[in-house]
Amino acid sequence: MNAQESQEPQDRQPQATLPALLLLADGRFPSGGHAHSGGLEAAAALDGVDDLAALEEFLRGRLATTGVVTAAFTAAACAVFGGTGRRATEVVEALETLDREFAARTPSPALRTASRRLGRQLLRAGRTIWPHPRLDELSAAPRHGPHQPVALGAVAAAAGLGPDAAALAAAHDAVLTPATAAVRLLGLDPFAVHATVARLGPRIAAVAAEAARHAHTAPEALPARAGPLLDIRAEHHAAWEVRLFAS
C-alpha cells in the first residue's frame, strides 16, 4: 500500500470540525445549490405552494422523504471515505456502489441529472478547500460524477467530519435549499422563512440522528422513502422553456 492509498482524512480537534461543518452547511458554500430550488419552483406553480404555511408543509414533506434518503446516503459515504484498512481504489468502488443504490432510489431522470451536477460541483469545491487524494480518485472515476449525497459524504470526511455531522449537513440542506429559493421565487419575508426553518430544527436533528445510525448499513438496505410527486413535478419542470431554477 503506498502513501497515497493509506492516507486517511486528517484528524481534527473538535474546535476545528465545527467550523468545517458550518462552512459546509452554509448556503453560500460554492456547491452550486443556489441554482436549484429543491422542487419548490414546480410546487409553487403546480401545487399552490405560495405562502409560509404551504412552504412549511412542503419543507416537512421533503425532509421526511428526500431528506431521510439523502442524509442516510451522506452518512454512509462519509463512513466509507473516512474508514481505515481499505485501498483508495476499494474506497472508490464502495462509493460507486452507494452511488448506484442512490440512483435506483431517484426515479426522475431530471433529478438524477441535477444530483450528479451538484455532486460534481461539490466535489470540485471540496478538492480545493479540503484537498485529499481520495477526492481526486473519486473525481477521476470514469462516469458522470457522483450523486450529491455521495459527494457530500466524501467531502465531509475529507474535512474531518464524521457521519453524524455529515448527515446533519445533508438534512439541513434538504430544507435550506427550497427555503432559500422561496425568498427569491415567491418574495416571502426572509425573516419569516428562516423562522420556519428554525421551527424545523428539532426535526432536522432527528432525521440526521436516524441517518447517522445507517452509516454502516449495507447499501441495498439504506432508506428508500419516496416522494412521487417530487419526481413527477421534476419532470414537468425540466420541460419548461422559462424557469428561474435548474431544478
Protein backbone atom coordinates (compact mmCIF):
# COMPACT_ATOMS: atom_id res chain seq x y z
CA MET A 1 0.00 0.00 0.00
CA ASN A 2 1.56 3.31 -0.98
CA ALA A 3 1.38 6.57 0.96
CA GLN A 4 -1.41 7.99 -1.18
CA GLU A 5 -3.59 4.91 -0.75
CA SER A 6 -3.10 4.71 3.00
CA GLN A 7 -3.75 8.36 3.76
CA GLU A 8 -6.91 8.88 5.81
CA PRO A 9 -8.84 12.13 6.32
CA GLN A 10 -6.86 14.47 8.54
CA ASP A 11 -7.59 14.20 12.26
CA ARG A 12 -9.02 17.45 13.57
CA GLN A 13 -9.72 18.78 17.02
CA PRO A 14 -13.39 19.49 17.92
CA GLN A 15 -12.82 23.24 17.70
CA ALA A 16 -11.73 22.74 14.07
CA THR A 17 -14.51 20.37 12.99
CA LEU A 18 -17.35 22.70 13.98
CA PRO A 19 -16.18 25.49 11.65
CA ALA A 20 -15.84 22.89 8.89
CA LEU A 21 -19.45 21.82 9.43
CA LEU A 22 -20.65 25.42 9.46
CA LEU A 23 -18.77 26.11 6.24
CA LEU A 24 -20.12 23.01 4.51
CA ALA A 25 -23.71 23.75 5.58
CA ASP A 26 -23.54 27.44 4.68
CA GLY A 27 -25.88 28.31 1.83
CA ARG A 28 -23.06 30.38 0.32
CA PHE A 29 -20.75 27.36 0.03
CA PRO A 30 -19.80 27.14 -3.69
CA SER A 31 -21.56 23.85 -4.37
CA GLY A 32 -23.98 25.21 -6.96
CA GLY A 33 -27.02 24.81 -4.73
CA HIS A 34 -28.10 28.42 -5.25
CA ALA A 35 -29.21 27.48 -8.79
CA HIS A 36 -31.67 24.85 -7.53
CA SER A 37 -34.97 25.11 -5.67
CA GLY A 38 -35.29 21.54 -4.41
CA GLY A 39 -38.58 21.16 -6.26
CA LEU A 40 -40.11 24.35 -4.88
CA GLU A 41 -40.41 26.16 -8.20
CA ALA A 42 -42.58 23.40 -9.65
CA ALA A 43 -44.57 23.05 -6.42
CA ALA A 44 -45.25 26.79 -6.38
CA ALA A 45 -46.54 26.78 -9.95
CA LEU A 46 -48.44 23.49 -9.92
CA ASP A 47 -49.44 22.80 -6.32
CA GLY A 48 -50.13 26.20 -4.80
CA VAL A 49 -47.11 26.41 -2.52
CA ASP A 50 -47.16 30.19 -2.37
CA ASP A 51 -47.27 31.25 1.30
CA LEU A 52 -45.50 30.47 4.56
CA ALA A 53 -47.94 27.82 5.71
CA ALA A 54 -47.73 25.92 2.43
CA LEU A 55 -43.95 26.32 2.40
CA GLU A 56 -43.62 24.78 5.85
CA GLU A 57 -45.77 21.83 4.80
CA PHE A 58 -43.63 21.37 1.69
CA LEU A 59 -40.41 21.51 3.73
CA ARG A 60 -41.70 18.94 6.20
CA GLY A 61 -42.65 16.59 3.38
CA ARG A 62 -39.34 16.98 1.60
CA LEU A 63 -37.40 16.39 4.80
CA ALA A 64 -39.39 13.23 5.55
CA THR A 65 -38.72 11.74 2.11
CA THR A 66 -35.79 13.14 0.16
CA GLY A 67 -34.15 14.39 3.34
CA VAL A 68 -34.17 10.98 5.02
CA VAL A 69 -32.67 9.25 1.99
CA THR A 70 -30.01 11.83 1.21
CA ALA A 71 -28.92 12.12 4.85
CA ALA A 72 -28.54 8.35 5.18
CA PHE A 73 -26.51 8.06 1.99
CA THR A 74 -24.37 11.02 3.02
CA ALA A 75 -23.61 9.37 6.36
CA ALA A 76 -22.78 6.08 4.65
CA ALA A 77 -20.49 7.78 2.12
CA CYS A 78 -18.73 9.65 4.91
CA ALA A 79 -18.14 6.39 6.80
CA VAL A 80 -16.75 4.69 3.69
CA PHE A 81 -14.46 7.59 2.81
CA GLY A 82 -13.20 8.04 6.35
CA GLY A 83 -12.80 4.35 7.12
CA THR A 84 -9.50 2.58 7.60
CA GLY A 85 -8.00 -0.57 6.13
CA ARG A 86 -9.07 -0.01 2.51
CA ARG A 87 -7.03 0.91 -0.51
CA ALA A 88 -8.05 4.07 -2.36
CA THR A 89 -9.46 2.02 -5.24
CA GLU A 90 -11.58 -0.03 -2.81
CA VAL A 91 -12.96 3.16 -1.27
CA VAL A 92 -13.94 4.48 -4.70
CA GLU A 93 -15.59 1.16 -5.58
CA ALA A 94 -17.60 1.24 -2.34
CA LEU A 95 -18.67 4.81 -3.05
CA GLU A 96 -19.72 3.81 -6.56
CA THR A 97 -21.90 1.07 -5.08
CA LEU A 98 -23.59 3.68 -2.88
CA ASP A 99 -23.94 5.89 -5.94
CA ARG A 100 -25.77 3.16 -7.88
CA GLU A 101 -28.09 2.50 -4.95
CA PHE A 102 -28.93 6.18 -4.68
CA ALA A 103 -29.63 6.35 -8.41
CA ALA A 104 -32.04 3.43 -8.01
CA ARG A 105 -33.93 5.50 -5.42
CA THR A 106 -34.21 8.50 -7.75
CA PRO A 107 -36.79 7.62 -10.44
CA SER A 108 -36.76 11.03 -12.14
CA PRO A 109 -34.11 11.40 -14.86
CA ALA A 110 -34.19 15.16 -14.30
CA LEU A 111 -33.43 14.75 -10.59
CA ARG A 112 -30.67 12.26 -11.31
CA THR A 113 -29.08 14.74 -13.70
CA ALA A 114 -29.38 17.57 -11.18
CA SER A 115 -27.95 15.42 -8.40
CA ARG A 116 -24.89 14.49 -10.43
CA ARG A 117 -24.36 18.09 -11.48
CA LEU A 118 -24.45 19.16 -7.85
CA GLY A 119 -22.18 16.28 -6.90
CA ARG A 120 -19.56 17.31 -9.44
CA GLN A 121 -19.63 20.92 -8.26
CA LEU A 122 -19.44 19.88 -4.62
CA LEU A 123 -16.50 17.60 -5.33
CA ARG A 124 -14.75 20.39 -7.18
CA ALA A 125 -15.19 22.71 -4.22
CA GLY A 126 -14.10 20.05 -1.75
CA ARG A 127 -10.91 19.26 -3.65
CA THR A 128 -9.89 22.91 -3.42
CA ILE A 129 -10.97 23.60 0.16
CA TRP A 130 -10.01 20.28 1.79
CA PRO A 131 -7.53 18.60 -0.61
CA HIS A 132 -7.36 14.84 -0.26
CA PRO A 133 -6.10 12.13 -2.66
CA ARG A 134 -9.32 10.13 -2.29
CA LEU A 135 -11.33 13.10 -3.55
CA ASP A 136 -9.04 13.13 -6.58
CA GLU A 137 -9.64 9.40 -7.09
CA LEU A 138 -13.41 9.89 -6.85
CA SER A 139 -13.31 12.81 -9.27
CA ALA A 140 -11.34 10.74 -11.79
CA ALA A 141 -13.76 7.80 -11.71
CA PRO A 142 -14.97 7.09 -15.29
CA ARG A 143 -18.61 8.13 -15.06
CA HIS A 144 -20.78 11.25 -14.91
CA GLY A 145 -19.72 12.29 -11.41
CA PRO A 146 -21.09 11.17 -8.05
CA HIS A 147 -24.58 11.93 -6.85
CA GLN A 148 -24.81 14.82 -4.41
CA PRO A 149 -25.11 12.75 -1.19
CA VAL A 150 -22.11 10.60 -2.11
CA ALA A 151 -20.03 13.69 -2.88
CA LEU A 152 -21.22 15.42 0.29
CA GLY A 153 -20.28 12.46 2.46
CA ALA A 154 -16.84 12.23 0.86
CA VAL A 155 -16.15 15.94 1.19
CA ALA A 156 -17.37 15.95 4.79
CA ALA A 157 -14.95 13.15 5.63
CA ALA A 158 -12.11 14.98 3.89
CA ALA A 159 -12.97 17.99 6.06
CA GLY A 160 -12.52 15.84 9.17
CA LEU A 161 -16.23 15.39 9.90
CA GLY A 162 -17.89 12.15 10.94
CA PRO A 163 -21.11 10.55 9.66
CA ASP A 164 -23.25 12.31 12.28
CA ALA A 165 -22.12 15.77 11.17
CA ALA A 166 -22.33 14.81 7.50
CA ALA A 167 -25.92 13.62 7.97
CA LEU A 168 -26.79 16.87 9.74
CA ALA A 169 -25.40 18.89 6.83
CA ALA A 170 -27.48 16.83 4.38
CA ALA A 171 -30.71 17.10 6.36
CA HIS A 172 -30.18 20.83 6.81
CA ASP A 173 -29.60 21.25 3.07
CA ALA A 174 -32.81 19.36 2.26
CA VAL A 175 -34.72 22.16 3.99
CA LEU A 176 -32.50 25.17 3.39
CA THR A 177 -32.32 24.84 -0.41
CA PRO A 178 -36.08 25.20 -1.04
CA ALA A 179 -36.45 27.67 1.84
CA THR A 180 -33.85 29.99 0.34
CA ALA A 181 -35.43 29.59 -3.08
CA ALA A 182 -38.79 30.63 -1.63
CA VAL A 183 -37.44 34.06 -0.77
CA ARG A 184 -36.23 34.63 -4.33
CA LEU A 185 -39.13 32.95 -6.10
CA LEU A 186 -42.13 33.96 -4.00
CA GLY A 187 -40.87 37.17 -2.42
CA LEU A 188 -41.59 35.86 1.07
CA ASP A 189 -40.23 37.66 4.11
CA PRO A 190 -36.73 36.21 4.67
CA PHE A 191 -37.07 36.61 8.44
CA ALA A 192 -40.29 34.63 8.45
CA VAL A 193 -38.85 31.97 6.15
CA HIS A 194 -35.85 31.45 8.41
CA ALA A 195 -38.15 31.34 11.42
CA THR A 196 -39.88 28.46 9.65
CA VAL A 197 -36.54 26.72 9.15
CA ALA A 198 -35.74 27.26 12.83
CA ARG A 199 -39.02 25.61 13.86
CA LEU A 200 -37.98 22.58 11.84
CA GLY A 201 -34.65 22.41 13.67
CA PRO A 202 -35.62 19.58 16.05
CA ARG A 203 -36.99 17.54 13.16
CA ILE A 204 -33.85 18.16 11.10
CA ALA A 205 -31.75 16.96 14.03
CA ALA A 206 -33.92 13.85 14.45
CA VAL A 207 -33.64 12.95 10.76
CA ALA A 208 -29.87 13.44 10.92
CA ALA A 209 -29.54 11.27 14.03
CA GLU A 210 -31.53 8.47 12.42
CA ALA A 211 -29.47 8.77 9.23
CA ALA A 212 -26.20 8.57 11.16
CA ARG A 213 -27.30 5.21 12.54
CA HIS A 214 -27.25 3.95 8.94
CA ALA A 215 -23.59 4.89 8.44
CA HIS A 216 -22.53 1.23 8.29
CA THR A 217 -25.74 -0.22 6.83
CA ALA A 218 -25.37 -2.29 3.66
CA PRO A 219 -26.05 -0.04 0.64
CA GLU A 220 -29.05 -2.06 -0.54
CA ALA A 221 -30.64 -1.77 2.92
CA LEU A 222 -30.40 2.02 3.20
CA PRO A 223 -33.67 4.01 3.40
CA ALA A 224 -35.72 4.19 0.22
CA ARG A 225 -38.52 6.60 1.11
CA ALA A 226 -40.19 8.08 -1.93
CA GLY A 227 -41.81 11.39 -2.75
CA PRO A 228 -43.53 10.52 -6.04
CA LEU A 229 -44.94 13.98 -6.59
CA LEU A 230 -41.45 15.49 -6.31
CA ASP A 231 -40.28 13.17 -9.10
CA ILE A 232 -43.31 13.85 -11.29
CA ARG A 233 -43.05 17.61 -10.83
CA ALA A 234 -39.31 17.49 -11.56
CA GLU A 235 -40.05 16.04 -15.00
CA HIS A 236 -42.63 18.76 -15.66
CA HIS A 237 -40.17 21.42 -14.52
CA ALA A 238 -37.38 20.10 -16.75
CA ALA A 239 -39.58 20.67 -19.81
CA TRP A 240 -40.33 24.33 -19.06
CA GLU A 241 -38.84 26.79 -21.52
CA VAL A 242 -38.69 29.55 -18.90
CA ARG A 243 -37.72 28.88 -15.29
CA LEU A 244 -35.73 30.59 -12.58
CA PHE A 245 -34.04 27.47 -11.15
CA ALA A 246 -32.35 24.45 -12.69
CA SER A 247 -34.45 22.07 -10.60
